[in-house]
């Protein structure tokens, strides 16, 4: 059976490539009230009373369109694979 994204549900997985302590320990995705969201979880942490908990950050997630929101251009439109011109400041 294929995975089906249901409203008000999501999943998070342990981040394997965490490089800084402040990065999320777990990341995932889901939907809240029909809107796509990203989930960042940090923890488990320990409260003063000894109970463990996670902090959760929820961010808006839009379906991938391949467009840059700032310029309304495709990311591929801004890519220039041509070699650097001679006399440029780049030493290679």
Protein backbone atom coordinates (compact mmCIF):
# COMPACT_ATOMS: atom_id res chain seq x y z
CA UNK A 1 0.00 0.00 0.00
CA UNK A 2 1.40 3.42 -0.97
CA UNK A 3 1.85 6.20 1.58
CA UNK A 4 -1.11 8.58 1.75
CA UNK A 5 -0.71 12.02 3.30
CA UNK A 6 -3.72 12.63 5.54
CA UNK A 7 -4.91 15.91 7.00
CA UNK A 8 -3.66 16.75 10.51
CA UNK A 9 -1.01 14.02 10.36
CA UNK A 10 2.66 13.90 9.53
CA UNK A 11 5.91 12.09 10.18
CA UNK A 12 9.40 13.02 11.31
CA UNK A 13 12.70 11.19 10.99
CA UNK A 14 16.03 11.51 12.79
CA UNK A 15 18.39 13.86 10.94
CA UNK A 16 21.50 11.93 9.89
CA UNK A 17 23.51 14.92 8.65
CA UNK A 18 23.18 17.23 11.69
CA UNK A 19 26.30 19.44 11.87
CA UNK A 20 25.44 21.96 14.62
CA UNK A 21 23.92 21.47 18.07
CA UNK A 22 21.14 23.94 17.33
CA UNK A 23 19.99 22.06 14.17
CA UNK A 24 16.80 20.03 14.46
CA UNK A 25 17.23 16.46 15.71
CA UNK A 26 14.22 15.29 13.71
CA UNK A 27 12.59 16.73 10.57
CA UNK A 28 9.42 15.81 8.77
CA UNK A 29 6.38 16.93 6.88
CA UNK A 30 2.63 16.75 7.13
CA UNK A 31 -0.51 18.82 6.85
CA UNK A 32 -2.45 20.95 9.31
CA UNK A 33 -6.00 21.95 8.37
CA UNK A 34 -5.30 21.03 4.75
CA UNK A 35 -2.12 23.14 4.50
CA UNK A 36 1.28 21.56 3.88
CA UNK A 37 3.81 22.06 6.71
CA UNK A 38 7.42 21.22 7.62
CA UNK A 39 8.14 20.01 11.16
CA UNK A 40 11.46 20.53 12.99
CA UNK A 41 11.79 18.74 16.34
CA UNK A 42 14.58 19.29 18.86
CA UNK A 43 15.06 16.95 21.77
CA UNK A 44 14.36 15.05 23.78
CA UNK A 45 14.98 17.68 26.43
CA UNK A 46 14.39 17.31 30.16
CA UNK A 47 12.05 19.65 32.02
CA UNK A 48 12.66 20.81 35.61
CA UNK A 49 10.23 18.16 36.86
CA UNK A 50 12.25 15.43 35.08
CA UNK A 51 9.83 14.78 32.21
CA UNK A 52 11.21 14.54 28.67
CA UNK A 53 9.78 16.69 25.89
CA UNK A 54 10.46 17.88 22.32
CA UNK A 55 10.28 21.43 21.02
CA UNK A 56 8.50 21.68 17.67
CA UNK A 57 8.80 24.33 14.97
CA UNK A 58 6.14 24.26 12.24
CA UNK A 59 6.84 26.00 8.93
CA UNK A 60 4.69 26.54 5.84
CA UNK A 61 5.49 24.14 2.99
CA UNK A 62 4.51 24.78 -0.62
CA UNK A 63 4.55 22.20 -3.37
CA UNK A 64 7.80 22.39 -5.37
CA UNK A 65 7.32 24.46 -8.50
CA UNK A 66 10.98 24.94 -9.42
CA UNK A 67 10.63 28.71 -9.18
CA UNK A 68 12.50 31.18 -7.02
CA UNK A 69 9.97 33.17 -4.95
CA UNK A 70 12.13 36.31 -4.93
CA UNK A 71 12.62 36.60 -8.68
CA UNK A 72 9.76 34.45 -10.01
CA UNK A 73 12.34 32.74 -12.24
CA UNK A 74 13.16 29.09 -12.41
CA UNK A 75 16.33 28.13 -10.55
CA UNK A 76 17.58 26.65 -13.80
CA UNK A 77 17.10 29.99 -15.59
CA UNK A 78 19.70 31.59 -13.30
CA UNK A 79 22.28 28.81 -13.81
CA UNK A 80 25.06 29.70 -16.25
CA UNK A 81 27.25 26.69 -17.12
CA UNK A 82 29.55 28.69 -19.40
CA UNK A 83 33.20 28.86 -18.32
CA UNK A 84 34.56 32.01 -16.67
CA UNK A 85 35.94 34.65 -19.02
CA UNK A 86 39.67 35.30 -19.00
CA UNK A 87 40.72 38.13 -16.75
CA UNK A 88 38.04 37.45 -14.16
CA UNK A 89 38.81 37.73 -10.45
CA UNK A 90 38.50 33.99 -9.95
CA UNK A 91 42.02 32.43 -9.86
CA UNK A 92 41.15 29.13 -11.52
